[in-house]
Amino acid sequence: MTWTSAFGKGSGWLLQKIVNGLALTRISPNALTFIGLVINIIAACFFGFARSYNANRMFFYAGLIIIGAGVFDMVDGRVARKTNQVSVFGAFFDSVMDRYSDVAIFFGLLIYYARGNRLFYVGLVAFVMTACVMVSYTRARAEALIGTCKVGFMERPERIVCVILGALCNRWGVMAPALWVLALFATLTVIHRIRYTYLETERRKLIAQAK
């Protein structure tokens, strides 16, 4: 067994123990989802209240907090299945709270750069925030038309990992490259989904005309 597989197995075991413990409390999965949002808002506050003299420390704390929020993001669905509380509304609520969490984190970064008069990065963060929302929107809108649209690389887990790496390694100037990576790949993902949806709708049109 390699160390990566051992780590994955150990992480899965720990996650399952957390799920089992939460299932015993009969807590609502929607409550776990909302707690994750609150934790992400706290992380956003650390970004927003950071100053040039303490930014590395504040960003590091924010990164750790986002990791904590990610635990709730990983367990809410598992708890729902474990306690037989899976619902259509639960999936909808989880998706909505995820969008709010994403916007909160980027809004915190936007405030940080605005307070430091770094207007270029204010614009960059605003662009990244818009692109990330559009990644989710294009999938949701496409799936209302063609059933499934999971193409593209920059899904939410990849976006969160990118922000976490930028926050934890900010003392080495990683946050700025992380934002550029997000801007590039989120935009490419949106374009990919638009193209995929166009091709799929055209394919279905041709099939309908051939009948």
N, C-alpha and C. Protein backbone atom coordinates (compact mmCIF):
# COMPACT_ATOMS: atom_id res chain seq x y z
N MET A 1 0.84 -1.21 0.00
CA MET A 1 0.00 0.00 0.00
C MET A 1 0.87 1.25 0.00
N THR A 2 0.61 2.17 -0.92
CA THR A 2 1.36 3.41 -0.99
C THR A 2 0.91 4.37 0.10
N TRP A 3 1.74 5.39 0.36
CA TRP A 3 1.38 6.34 1.41
C TRP A 3 0.15 7.15 1.03
N THR A 4 -0.04 7.41 -0.29
CA THR A 4 -1.22 8.16 -0.71
C THR A 4 -2.50 7.36 -0.49
N SER A 5 -2.45 6.06 -0.82
CA SER A 5 -3.65 5.24 -0.61
C SER A 5 -3.92 5.06 0.87
N ALA A 6 -2.84 4.96 1.67
CA ALA A 6 -3.01 4.84 3.13
C ALA A 6 -3.62 6.11 3.70
N PHE A 7 -3.17 7.27 3.19
CA PHE A 7 -3.73 8.54 3.65
C PHE A 7 -5.20 8.65 3.27
N GLY A 8 -5.50 8.25 2.03
CA GLY A 8 -6.89 8.28 1.58
C GLY A 8 -7.78 7.38 2.40
N LYS A 9 -7.27 6.19 2.71
CA LYS A 9 -8.04 5.24 3.51
C LYS A 9 -8.26 5.77 4.92
N GLY A 10 -7.19 6.35 5.50
CA GLY A 10 -7.31 6.91 6.84
C GLY A 10 -8.27 8.09 6.89
N SER A 11 -8.21 8.95 5.87
CA SER A 11 -9.10 10.10 5.81
C SER A 11 -10.56 9.65 5.67
N GLY A 12 -10.76 8.62 4.82
CA GLY A 12 -12.11 8.09 4.65
C GLY A 12 -12.65 7.49 5.94
N TRP A 13 -11.77 6.81 6.68
CA TRP A 13 -12.18 6.22 7.97
C TRP A 13 -12.57 7.31 8.95
N LEU A 14 -11.75 8.38 9.04
CA LEU A 14 -12.05 9.47 9.96
C LEU A 14 -13.34 10.18 9.57
N LEU A 15 -13.51 10.41 8.27
CA LEU A 15 -14.72 11.08 7.79
C LEU A 15 -15.96 10.25 8.12
N GLN A 16 -15.86 8.94 7.96
CA GLN A 16 -16.99 8.08 8.26
C GLN A 16 -17.32 8.10 9.75
N LYS A 17 -16.30 8.19 10.60
CA LYS A 17 -16.53 8.29 12.05
C LYS A 17 -17.27 9.58 12.39
N ILE A 18 -16.88 10.67 11.72
CA ILE A 18 -17.56 11.95 11.93
C ILE A 18 -19.03 11.85 11.50
N VAL A 19 -19.24 11.23 10.34
CA VAL A 19 -20.61 11.06 9.83
C VAL A 19 -21.43 10.22 10.79
N ASN A 20 -20.86 9.13 11.29
CA ASN A 20 -21.58 8.26 12.23
C ASN A 20 -21.94 9.01 13.51
N GLY A 21 -21.00 9.83 14.00
CA GLY A 21 -21.28 10.60 15.22
C GLY A 21 -22.38 11.63 15.01
N LEU A 22 -22.32 12.33 13.88
CA LEU A 22 -23.35 13.33 13.58
C LEU A 22 -24.71 12.67 13.35
N ALA A 23 -24.70 11.48 12.74
CA ALA A 23 -25.96 10.77 12.49
C ALA A 23 -26.65 10.42 13.79
N LEU A 24 -25.87 10.10 14.82
CA LEU A 24 -26.45 9.75 16.12
C LEU A 24 -27.16 10.94 16.76
N THR A 25 -26.73 12.16 16.45
CA THR A 25 -27.36 13.35 17.02
C THR A 25 -28.67 13.68 16.34
N ARG A 26 -28.92 13.04 15.16
CA ARG A 26 -30.12 13.31 14.35
C ARG A 26 -30.19 14.76 13.89
N ILE A 27 -29.03 15.40 13.76
CA ILE A 27 -28.99 16.77 13.28
C ILE A 27 -29.44 16.82 11.82
N SER A 28 -30.11 17.88 11.47
CA SER A 28 -30.57 18.04 10.09
C SER A 28 -29.38 18.28 9.16
N PRO A 29 -29.31 17.58 8.03
CA PRO A 29 -28.25 17.87 7.06
C PRO A 29 -28.26 19.32 6.59
N ASN A 30 -29.44 19.92 6.51
CA ASN A 30 -29.53 21.32 6.11
C ASN A 30 -28.87 22.23 7.14
N ALA A 31 -28.94 21.82 8.43
CA ALA A 31 -28.27 22.59 9.48
C ALA A 31 -26.76 22.51 9.30
N LEU A 32 -26.25 21.35 8.93
CA LEU A 32 -24.81 21.19 8.67
C LEU A 32 -24.39 22.06 7.49
N THR A 33 -25.22 22.09 6.47
CA THR A 33 -24.94 22.92 5.30
C THR A 33 -24.86 24.39 5.69
N PHE A 34 -25.80 24.84 6.52
CA PHE A 34 -25.83 26.24 6.95
C PHE A 34 -24.63 26.56 7.83
N ILE A 35 -24.23 25.62 8.69
CA ILE A 35 -23.04 25.83 9.53
C ILE A 35 -21.81 26.03 8.65
N GLY A 36 -21.73 25.24 7.57
CA GLY A 36 -20.61 25.41 6.64
C GLY A 36 -20.57 26.81 6.06
N LEU A 37 -21.75 27.37 5.73
CA LEU A 37 -21.83 28.74 5.23
C LEU A 37 -21.31 29.73 6.27
N VAL A 38 -21.76 29.57 7.51
CA VAL A 38 -21.34 30.48 8.58
C VAL A 38 -19.82 30.45 8.76
N ILE A 39 -19.24 29.26 8.71
CA ILE A 39 -17.79 29.13 8.86
C ILE A 39 -17.07 29.82 7.71
N ASN A 40 -17.59 29.69 6.51
CA ASN A 40 -16.97 30.37 5.36
C ASN A 40 -17.07 31.89 5.49
N ILE A 41 -18.16 32.36 6.06
CA ILE A 41 -18.30 33.81 6.28
C ILE A 41 -17.25 34.28 7.29
N ILE A 42 -16.98 33.45 8.30
CA ILE A 42 -15.92 33.79 9.27
C ILE A 42 -14.57 33.88 8.57
N ALA A 43 -14.31 32.92 7.66
CA ALA A 43 -13.06 32.96 6.89
C ALA A 43 -12.99 34.24 6.06
N ALA A 44 -14.12 34.62 5.47
CA ALA A 44 -14.17 35.85 4.67
C ALA A 44 -13.84 37.07 5.53
N CYS A 45 -14.29 37.06 6.77
CA CYS A 45 -13.99 38.17 7.69
C CYS A 45 -12.48 38.26 7.96
N PHE A 46 -11.82 37.12 8.08
CA PHE A 46 -10.36 37.13 8.26
C PHE A 46 -9.68 37.74 7.05
N PHE A 47 -10.15 37.42 5.85
CA PHE A 47 -9.61 38.06 4.65
C PHE A 47 -9.87 39.56 4.69
N GLY A 48 -11.11 39.93 4.96
CA GLY A 48 -11.51 41.33 4.89
C GLY A 48 -10.85 42.22 5.92
N PHE A 49 -10.57 41.69 7.12
CA PHE A 49 -9.98 42.49 8.20
C PHE A 49 -8.45 42.43 8.20
N ALA A 50 -7.88 41.71 7.25
CA ALA A 50 -6.41 41.62 7.18
C ALA A 50 -5.82 42.97 6.79
N ARG A 51 -4.63 43.24 7.30
CA ARG A 51 -3.85 44.42 6.93
C ARG A 51 -2.51 43.96 6.36
N SER A 52 -1.77 44.87 5.79
CA SER A 52 -0.50 44.51 5.17
C SER A 52 0.46 43.90 6.19
N TYR A 53 0.42 44.37 7.45
CA TYR A 53 1.37 43.89 8.45
C TYR A 53 0.99 42.53 9.04
N ASN A 54 -0.29 42.12 8.88
CA ASN A 54 -0.69 40.82 9.44
C ASN A 54 -1.39 39.93 8.41
N ALA A 55 -1.27 40.29 7.14
CA ALA A 55 -2.02 39.58 6.11
C ALA A 55 -1.63 38.11 6.04
N ASN A 56 -0.34 37.80 6.17
CA ASN A 56 0.08 36.39 6.07
C ASN A 56 -0.57 35.54 7.15
N ARG A 57 -0.60 36.07 8.37
CA ARG A 57 -1.20 35.34 9.48
C ARG A 57 -2.71 35.23 9.32
N MET A 58 -3.37 36.32 8.96
CA MET A 58 -4.82 36.32 8.78
C MET A 58 -5.24 35.41 7.63
N PHE A 59 -4.48 35.42 6.54
CA PHE A 59 -4.79 34.55 5.41
C PHE A 59 -4.61 33.09 5.80
N PHE A 60 -3.57 32.81 6.57
CA PHE A 60 -3.33 31.43 7.01
C PHE A 60 -4.50 30.93 7.85
N TYR A 61 -4.97 31.78 8.78
CA TYR A 61 -6.13 31.40 9.59
C TYR A 61 -7.36 31.18 8.71
N ALA A 62 -7.54 32.07 7.73
CA ALA A 62 -8.69 31.94 6.83
C ALA A 62 -8.63 30.62 6.07
N GLY A 63 -7.44 30.24 5.62
CA GLY A 63 -7.29 28.97 4.92
C GLY A 63 -7.66 27.79 5.79
N LEU A 64 -7.22 27.81 7.04
CA LEU A 64 -7.56 26.73 7.97
C LEU A 64 -9.07 26.68 8.22
N ILE A 65 -9.69 27.85 8.33
CA ILE A 65 -11.14 27.90 8.58
C ILE A 65 -11.90 27.35 7.37
N ILE A 66 -11.44 27.67 6.16
CA ILE A 66 -12.10 27.15 4.96
C ILE A 66 -11.99 25.63 4.91
N ILE A 67 -10.85 25.09 5.37
CA ILE A 67 -10.72 23.63 5.45
C ILE A 67 -11.77 23.07 6.40
N GLY A 68 -11.96 23.74 7.54
CA GLY A 68 -13.00 23.31 8.48
C GLY A 68 -14.38 23.34 7.88
N ALA A 69 -14.66 24.39 7.10
CA ALA A 69 -15.96 24.48 6.43
C ALA A 69 -16.12 23.36 5.42
N GLY A 70 -15.00 22.98 4.80
CA GLY A 70 -15.05 21.89 3.83
C GLY A 70 -15.47 20.57 4.44
N VAL A 71 -15.15 20.38 5.71
CA VAL A 71 -15.57 19.15 6.40
C VAL A 71 -17.10 19.07 6.43
N PHE A 72 -17.74 20.19 6.76
CA PHE A 72 -19.21 20.20 6.78
C PHE A 72 -19.77 20.00 5.37
N ASP A 73 -19.06 20.54 4.38
CA ASP A 73 -19.50 20.38 2.99
C ASP A 73 -19.42 18.91 2.56
N MET A 74 -18.46 18.18 3.14
CA MET A 74 -18.30 16.78 2.77
C MET A 74 -19.25 15.85 3.51
N VAL A 75 -19.66 16.25 4.72
CA VAL A 75 -20.44 15.31 5.54
C VAL A 75 -21.95 15.52 5.43
N ASP A 76 -22.42 16.68 4.98
CA ASP A 76 -23.87 16.92 5.02
C ASP A 76 -24.64 15.92 4.17
N GLY A 77 -24.12 15.66 2.95
CA GLY A 77 -24.80 14.68 2.09
C GLY A 77 -24.71 13.27 2.65
N ARG A 78 -23.55 12.93 3.22
CA ARG A 78 -23.38 11.60 3.79
C ARG A 78 -24.29 11.39 5.00
N VAL A 79 -24.44 12.44 5.82
CA VAL A 79 -25.34 12.35 6.96
C VAL A 79 -26.78 12.19 6.49
N ALA A 80 -27.13 12.91 5.43
CA ALA A 80 -28.49 12.80 4.89
C ALA A 80 -28.78 11.37 4.46
N ARG A 81 -27.81 10.73 3.79
CA ARG A 81 -28.02 9.34 3.36
C ARG A 81 -28.01 8.39 4.55
N LYS A 82 -27.15 8.66 5.51
CA LYS A 82 -27.05 7.79 6.68
C LYS A 82 -28.33 7.80 7.50
N THR A 83 -28.96 8.97 7.60
CA THR A 83 -30.16 9.12 8.43
C THR A 83 -31.45 9.10 7.61
N ASN A 84 -31.32 8.76 6.33
CA ASN A 84 -32.48 8.68 5.44
C ASN A 84 -33.24 10.01 5.39
N GLN A 85 -32.47 11.11 5.27
CA GLN A 85 -33.08 12.43 5.18
C GLN A 85 -32.79 13.09 3.82
N VAL A 86 -32.47 12.28 2.83
CA VAL A 86 -32.19 12.81 1.49
C VAL A 86 -33.46 13.41 0.91
N SER A 87 -33.36 14.60 0.35
CA SER A 87 -34.53 15.25 -0.24
C SER A 87 -34.10 16.13 -1.41
N VAL A 88 -35.03 16.41 -2.29
CA VAL A 88 -34.76 17.30 -3.42
C VAL A 88 -34.44 18.70 -2.91
N PHE A 89 -35.19 19.14 -1.91
CA PHE A 89 -34.93 20.47 -1.36
C PHE A 89 -33.55 20.54 -0.72
N GLY A 90 -33.13 19.45 -0.08
CA GLY A 90 -31.81 19.43 0.55
C GLY A 90 -30.71 19.66 -0.47
N ALA A 91 -30.82 19.02 -1.63
CA ALA A 91 -29.83 19.21 -2.69
C ALA A 91 -29.85 20.66 -3.20
N PHE A 92 -31.06 21.21 -3.35
CA PHE A 92 -31.21 22.60 -3.78
C PHE A 92 -30.60 23.55 -2.74
N PHE A 93 -30.91 23.33 -1.48
CA PHE A 93 -30.42 24.18 -0.39
C PHE A 93 -28.89 24.14 -0.33
N ASP A 94 -28.33 22.95 -0.48
CA ASP A 94 -26.88 22.79 -0.45
C ASP A 94 -26.22 23.58 -1.58
N SER A 95 -26.82 23.52 -2.77
CA SER A 95 -26.27 24.25 -3.90
C SER A 95 -26.32 25.76 -3.69
N VAL A 96 -27.44 26.25 -3.14
CA VAL A 96 -27.58 27.68 -2.90
C VAL A 96 -26.57 28.15 -1.85
N MET A 97 -26.43 27.40 -0.75
CA MET A 97 -25.49 27.78 0.29
C MET A 97 -24.04 27.75 -0.21
N ASP A 98 -23.74 26.81 -1.11
CA ASP A 98 -22.40 26.77 -1.70
C ASP A 98 -22.11 28.04 -2.47
N ARG A 99 -23.11 28.54 -3.21
CA ARG A 99 -22.89 29.78 -3.97
C ARG A 99 -22.65 30.95 -3.02
N TYR A 100 -23.44 31.04 -1.96
CA TYR A 100 -23.23 32.10 -0.98
C TYR A 100 -21.85 32.00 -0.34
N SER A 101 -21.41 30.77 -0.05
CA SER A 101 -20.08 30.56 0.55
C SER A 101 -18.99 31.06 -0.38
N ASP A 102 -19.10 30.71 -1.67
CA ASP A 102 -18.10 31.15 -2.64
C ASP A 102 -18.04 32.67 -2.72
N VAL A 103 -19.22 33.29 -2.83
CA VAL A 103 -19.27 34.75 -2.95
C VAL A 103 -18.71 35.41 -1.68
N ALA A 104 -19.02 34.85 -0.51
CA ALA A 104 -18.53 35.42 0.75
C ALA A 104 -17.01 35.43 0.79
N ILE A 105 -16.39 34.31 0.41
CA ILE A 105 -14.93 34.21 0.44
C ILE A 105 -14.30 35.24 -0.49
N PHE A 106 -14.80 35.32 -1.71
CA PHE A 106 -14.23 36.28 -2.66
C PHE A 106 -14.53 37.72 -2.27
N PHE A 107 -15.68 37.93 -1.63
CA PHE A 107 -16.00 39.28 -1.16
C PHE A 107 -15.02 39.71 -0.07
N GLY A 108 -14.64 38.76 0.78
CA GLY A 108 -13.63 39.07 1.80
C GLY A 108 -12.31 39.47 1.17
N LEU A 109 -11.89 38.73 0.13
CA LEU A 109 -10.66 39.08 -0.57
C LEU A 109 -10.78 40.44 -1.26
N LEU A 110 -11.95 40.70 -1.85
CA LEU A 110 -12.18 41.98 -2.52
C LEU A 110 -12.02 43.14 -1.53
N ILE A 111 -12.57 42.97 -0.33
CA ILE A 111 -12.45 44.03 0.69
C ILE A 111 -10.99 44.22 1.08
N TYR A 112 -10.25 43.12 1.22
CA TYR A 112 -8.83 43.21 1.59
C TYR A 112 -8.06 44.04 0.57
N TYR A 113 -8.23 43.73 -0.71
CA TYR A 113 -7.49 44.46 -1.73
C TYR A 113 -7.99 45.90 -1.86
N ALA A 114 -9.28 46.13 -1.63
CA ALA A 114 -9.81 47.49 -1.69
C ALA A 114 -9.25 48.35 -0.57
N ARG A 115 -9.14 47.79 0.63
CA ARG A 115 -8.59 48.55 1.76
C ARG A 115 -7.12 48.87 1.55
N GLY A 116 -6.44 48.04 0.77
CA GLY A 116 -5.04 48.30 0.47
C GLY A 116 -4.82 49.11 -0.79
N ASN A 117 -5.92 49.62 -1.39
CA ASN A 117 -5.86 50.42 -2.62
C ASN A 117 -5.18 49.67 -3.77
N ARG A 118 -5.38 48.38 -3.80
CA ARG A 118 -4.83 47.57 -4.90
C ARG A 118 -5.97 47.31 -5.88
N LEU A 119 -6.28 48.35 -6.66
CA LEU A 119 -7.48 48.34 -7.48
C LEU A 119 -7.43 47.27 -8.58
N PHE A 120 -6.23 46.97 -9.07
CA PHE A 120 -6.14 45.93 -10.09
C PHE A 120 -6.65 44.60 -9.55
N TYR A 121 -6.25 44.27 -8.33
CA TYR A 121 -6.67 43.00 -7.74
C TYR A 121 -8.13 43.04 -7.28
N VAL A 122 -8.64 44.23 -7.00
CA VAL A 122 -10.08 44.34 -6.75
C VAL A 122 -10.84 43.90 -8.00
N GLY A 123 -10.40 44.38 -9.15
CA GLY A 123 -11.03 43.98 -10.41
C GLY A 123 -10.84 42.51 -10.70
N LEU A 124 -9.65 41.99 -10.39
CA LEU A 124 -9.38 40.57 -10.64
C LEU A 124 -10.27 39.68 -9.78
N VAL A 125 -10.37 40.02 -8.50
CA VAL A 125 -11.23 39.22 -7.61
C VAL A 125 -12.69 39.30 -8.05
N ALA A 126 -13.13 40.49 -8.45
CA ALA A 126 -14.51 40.63 -8.92
C ALA A 126 -14.74 39.77 -10.16
N PHE A 127 -13.75 39.73 -11.05
CA PHE A 127 -13.87 38.89 -12.24
C PHE A 127 -13.91 37.41 -11.87
N VAL A 128 -13.03 37.00 -10.96
CA VAL A 128 -13.00 35.60 -10.51
C VAL A 128 -14.32 35.22 -9.86
N MET A 129 -14.85 36.10 -9.02
CA MET A 129 -16.12 35.83 -8.35
C MET A 129 -17.23 35.63 -9.38
N THR A 130 -17.27 36.49 -10.38
CA THR A 130 -18.29 36.38 -11.44
C THR A 130 -18.10 35.09 -12.24
N ALA A 131 -16.86 34.78 -12.60
CA ALA A 131 -16.59 33.58 -13.39
C ALA A 131 -16.97 32.32 -12.63
N CYS A 132 -16.68 32.29 -11.33
CA CYS A 132 -16.99 31.10 -10.54
C CYS A 132 -18.51 30.91 -10.40
N VAL A 133 -19.23 32.01 -10.24
CA VAL A 133 -20.69 31.91 -10.21
C VAL A 133 -21.21 31.41 -11.55
N MET A 134 -20.62 31.88 -12.64
CA MET A 134 -21.06 31.46 -13.96
C MET A 134 -20.75 29.99 -14.25
N VAL A 135 -19.68 29.46 -13.65
CA VAL A 135 -19.40 28.03 -13.78
C VAL A 135 -20.58 27.22 -13.27
N SER A 136 -21.08 27.60 -12.11
CA SER A 136 -22.22 26.90 -11.52
C SER A 136 -23.50 27.17 -12.30
N TYR A 137 -23.69 28.43 -12.72
CA TYR A 137 -24.92 28.78 -13.42
C TYR A 137 -25.03 28.07 -14.77
N THR A 138 -23.92 28.03 -15.52
CA THR A 138 -23.98 27.39 -16.83
C THR A 138 -24.32 25.91 -16.71
N ARG A 139 -23.79 25.27 -15.68
CA ARG A 139 -24.13 23.85 -15.49
C ARG A 139 -25.61 23.70 -15.14
N ALA A 140 -26.09 24.53 -14.19
CA ALA A 140 -27.49 24.43 -13.77
C ALA A 140 -28.44 24.71 -14.94
N ARG A 141 -28.13 25.75 -15.71
CA ARG A 141 -29.01 26.11 -16.83
C ARG A 141 -28.94 25.06 -17.93
N ALA A 142 -27.75 24.55 -18.20
CA ALA A 142 -27.60 23.53 -19.24
C ALA A 142 -28.34 22.26 -18.85
N GLU A 143 -28.23 21.86 -17.58
CA GLU A 143 -28.86 20.62 -17.14
C GLU A 143 -30.38 20.73 -17.14
N ALA A 144 -30.90 21.96 -17.07
CA ALA A 144 -32.35 22.13 -17.21
C ALA A 144 -32.79 21.89 -18.66
N LEU A 145 -31.83 21.97 -19.60
CA LEU A 145 -32.14 21.82 -21.01
C LEU A 145 -31.75 20.45 -21.57
N ILE A 146 -30.57 19.97 -21.17
CA ILE A 146 -30.05 18.75 -21.79
C ILE A 146 -29.78 17.62 -20.81
N GLY A 147 -30.12 17.80 -19.55
CA GLY A 147 -30.02 16.70 -18.59
C GLY A 147 -28.74 16.65 -17.79
N THR A 148 -27.60 16.78 -18.43
CA THR A 148 -26.33 16.74 -17.71
C THR A 148 -25.29 17.59 -18.43
N CYS A 149 -24.44 18.25 -17.64
CA CYS A 149 -23.38 19.10 -18.20
C CYS A 149 -22.25 19.19 -17.18
N LYS A 150 -21.50 18.11 -17.06
CA LYS A 150 -20.43 18.04 -16.07
C LYS A 150 -19.05 18.26 -16.67
N VAL A 151 -19.01 18.84 -17.86
CA VAL A 151 -17.73 19.08 -18.51
C VAL A 151 -17.02 20.25 -17.86
N GLY A 152 -15.72 20.34 -18.10
CA GLY A 152 -14.95 21.45 -17.54
C GLY A 152 -14.19 21.03 -16.30
N PHE A 153 -13.07 21.69 -16.06
CA PHE A 153 -12.17 21.31 -14.97
C PHE A 153 -12.49 22.01 -13.65
N MET A 154 -12.77 23.31 -13.70
CA MET A 154 -12.79 24.11 -12.48
C MET A 154 -14.12 24.02 -11.76
N GLU A 155 -14.39 22.82 -11.18
CA GLU A 155 -15.56 22.64 -10.33
C GLU A 155 -15.29 23.24 -8.95
N ARG A 156 -16.29 23.21 -8.07
CA ARG A 156 -16.14 23.86 -6.77
C ARG A 156 -14.99 23.28 -5.94
N PRO A 157 -14.81 21.96 -5.85
CA PRO A 157 -13.68 21.46 -5.06
C PRO A 157 -12.33 22.01 -5.53
N GLU A 158 -12.13 22.08 -6.84
CA GLU A 158 -10.88 22.62 -7.37
C GLU A 158 -10.74 24.10 -7.03
N ARG A 159 -11.85 24.84 -7.09
CA ARG A 159 -11.79 26.26 -6.75
C ARG A 159 -11.43 26.46 -5.28
N ILE A 160 -12.04 25.67 -4.41
CA ILE A 160 -11.78 25.81 -2.98
C ILE A 160 -10.34 25.45 -2.66
N VAL A 161 -9.83 24.37 -3.26
CA VAL A 161 -8.44 23.98 -3.04
C VAL A 161 -7.50 25.10 -3.48
N CYS A 162 -7.81 25.73 -4.59
CA CYS A 162 -6.98 26.82 -5.10
C CYS A 162 -6.95 27.99 -4.11
N VAL A 163 -8.11 28.35 -3.57
CA VAL A 163 -8.17 29.43 -2.58
C VAL A 163 -7.43 29.05 -1.31
N ILE A 164 -7.60 27.81 -0.86
CA ILE A 164 -6.92 27.36 0.36
C ILE A 164 -5.40 27.43 0.19
N LEU A 165 -4.90 26.95 -0.94
CA LEU A 165 -3.46 26.99 -1.18
C LEU A 165 -2.95 28.43 -1.21
N GLY A 166 -3.71 29.31 -1.85
CA GLY A 166 -3.33 30.72 -1.88
C GLY A 166 -3.30 31.34 -0.50
N ALA A 167 -4.28 30.98 0.33
CA ALA A 167 -4.36 31.55 1.68
C ALA A 167 -3.26 31.01 2.58
N LEU A 168 -3.05 29.69 2.56
CA LEU A 168 -2.05 29.09 3.44
C LEU A 168 -0.63 29.49 3.06
N CYS A 169 -0.41 29.75 1.78
CA CYS A 169 0.94 30.06 1.28
C CYS A 169 1.08 31.52 0.88
N ASN A 170 0.26 32.38 1.44
CA ASN A 170 0.28 33.79 1.04
C ASN A 170 1.62 34.46 1.34
N ARG A 171 2.32 33.99 2.37
CA ARG A 171 3.60 34.60 2.72
C ARG A 171 4.62 34.45 1.58
N TRP A 172 4.38 33.49 0.69
CA TRP A 172 5.24 33.31 -0.48
C TRP A 172 4.59 33.88 -1.75
N GLY A 173 3.55 34.68 -1.56
CA GLY A 173 2.92 35.35 -2.68
C GLY A 173 2.10 34.45 -3.58
N VAL A 174 1.50 33.39 -3.00
CA VAL A 174 0.77 32.41 -3.80
C VAL A 174 -0.66 32.84 -4.12
N MET A 175 -1.23 33.73 -3.31
CA MET A 175 -2.63 34.09 -3.53
C MET A 175 -2.84 34.75 -4.90
N ALA A 176 -1.94 35.62 -5.29
CA ALA A 176 -2.10 36.29 -6.60
C ALA A 176 -2.08 35.29 -7.76
N PRO A 177 -1.10 34.38 -7.84
CA PRO A 177 -1.16 33.35 -8.89
C PRO A 177 -2.40 32.48 -8.80
N ALA A 178 -2.86 32.20 -7.58
CA ALA A 178 -4.07 31.39 -7.40
C ALA A 178 -5.27 32.08 -8.03
N LEU A 179 -5.35 33.39 -7.87
CA LEU A 179 -6.46 34.14 -8.46
C LEU A 179 -6.38 34.11 -9.99
N TRP A 180 -5.17 34.19 -10.54
CA TRP A 180 -5.02 34.11 -11.99
C TRP A 180 -5.42 32.74 -12.51
N VAL A 181 -5.04 31.69 -11.78
CA VAL A 181 -5.43 30.33 -12.17
C VAL A 181 -6.95 30.19 -12.15
N LEU A 182 -7.58 30.72 -11.11
CA LEU A 182 -9.04 30.68 -11.01
C LEU A 182 -9.69 31.44 -12.16
N ALA A 183 -9.17 32.62 -12.45
CA ALA A 183 -9.74 33.45 -13.53
C ALA A 183 -9.65 32.71 -14.86
N LEU A 184 -8.50 32.12 -15.14
CA LEU A 184 -8.28 31.45 -16.42
C LEU A 184 -9.15 30.20 -16.56
N PHE A 185 -9.04 29.29 -15.58
CA PHE A 185 -9.69 28.00 -15.73
C PHE A 185 -11.20 28.07 -15.49
N ALA A 186 -11.66 29.01 -14.67
CA ALA A 186 -13.10 29.19 -14.52
C ALA A 186 -13.70 29.69 -15.83
N THR A 187 -13.01 30.63 -16.48
CA THR A 187 -13.49 31.15 -17.76
C THR A 187 -13.49 30.05 -18.83
N LEU A 188 -12.44 29.25 -18.87
CA LEU A 188 -12.37 28.15 -19.84
C LEU A 188 -13.48 27.13 -19.58
N THR A 189 -13.79 26.91 -18.31
CA THR A 189 -14.87 25.97 -17.97
C THR A 189 -16.22 26.49 -18.45
N VAL A 190 -16.46 27.79 -18.27
CA VAL A 190 -17.70 28.38 -18.75
C VAL A 190 -17.80 28.25 -20.27
N ILE A 191 -16.71 28.57 -20.97
CA ILE A 191 -16.71 28.45 -22.43
C ILE A 191 -16.95 27.01 -22.87
N HIS A 192 -16.30 26.08 -22.17
CA HIS A 192 -16.47 24.65 -22.49
C HIS A 192 -17.93 24.24 -22.34
N ARG A 193 -18.57 24.70 -21.28
CA ARG A 193 -19.96 24.31 -21.04
C ARG A 193 -20.91 24.97 -22.04
N ILE A 194 -20.62 26.19 -22.43
CA ILE A 194 -21.44 26.83 -23.47
C ILE A 194 -21.32 26.05 -24.78
N ARG A 195 -20.10 25.70 -25.14
CA ARG A 195 -19.88 24.95 -26.38
C ARG A 195 -20.53 23.57 -26.32
N TYR A 196 -20.37 22.90 -25.20
CA TYR A 196 -20.96 21.56 -25.04
C TYR A 196 -22.48 21.62 -25.16
N THR A 197 -23.08 22.62 -24.53
CA THR A 197 -24.53 22.75 -24.57
C THR A 197 -25.01 23.07 -25.99
N TYR A 198 -24.27 23.93 -26.68
CA TYR A 198 -24.62 24.25 -28.07
C TYR A 198 -24.57 23.00 -28.94
N LEU A 199 -23.50 22.25 -28.84
CA LEU A 199 -23.36 21.05 -29.67
C LEU A 199 -24.43 20.01 -29.34
N GLU A 200 -24.74 19.89 -28.06
CA GLU A 200 -25.75 18.90 -27.65
C GLU A 200 -27.15 19.30 -28.11
N THR A 201 -27.47 20.59 -28.00
CA THR A 201 -28.79 21.03 -28.47
C THR A 201 -28.90 20.90 -29.99
N GLU A 202 -27.81 21.18 -30.71
CA GLU A 202 -27.82 21.01 -32.16
C GLU A 202 -27.96 19.54 -32.54
N ARG A 203 -27.28 18.67 -31.80
CA ARG A 203 -27.38 17.23 -32.07
C ARG A 203 -28.80 16.74 -31.88
N ARG A 204 -29.44 17.20 -30.82
CA ARG A 204 -30.82 16.79 -30.56
C ARG A 204 -31.77 17.36 -31.61
N LYS A 205 -31.47 18.55 -32.09
CA LYS A 205 -32.30 19.14 -33.13
C LYS A 205 -32.24 18.31 -34.41
N LEU A 206 -31.03 17.86 -34.77
CA LEU A 206 -30.86 17.05 -35.96
C LEU A 206 -31.56 15.70 -35.83
N ILE A 207 -31.49 15.12 -34.63
CA ILE A 207 -32.17 13.85 -34.39
C ILE A 207 -33.67 14.01 -34.52
N ALA A 208 -34.20 15.13 -33.98
CA ALA A 208 -35.64 15.38 -34.06
C ALA A 208 -36.08 15.61 -35.50
N GLN A 209 -35.24 16.28 -36.29
CA GLN A 209 -35.59 16.54 -37.69
C GLN A 209 -35.52 15.26 -38.54
N ALA A 210 -34.66 14.33 -38.12
CA ALA A 210 -34.50 13.09 -38.88
C ALA A 210 -35.64 12.11 -38.66
N LYS A 211 -36.41 12.32 -37.60
CA LYS A 211 -37.51 11.38 -37.29
C LYS A 211 -38.71 11.65 -38.19
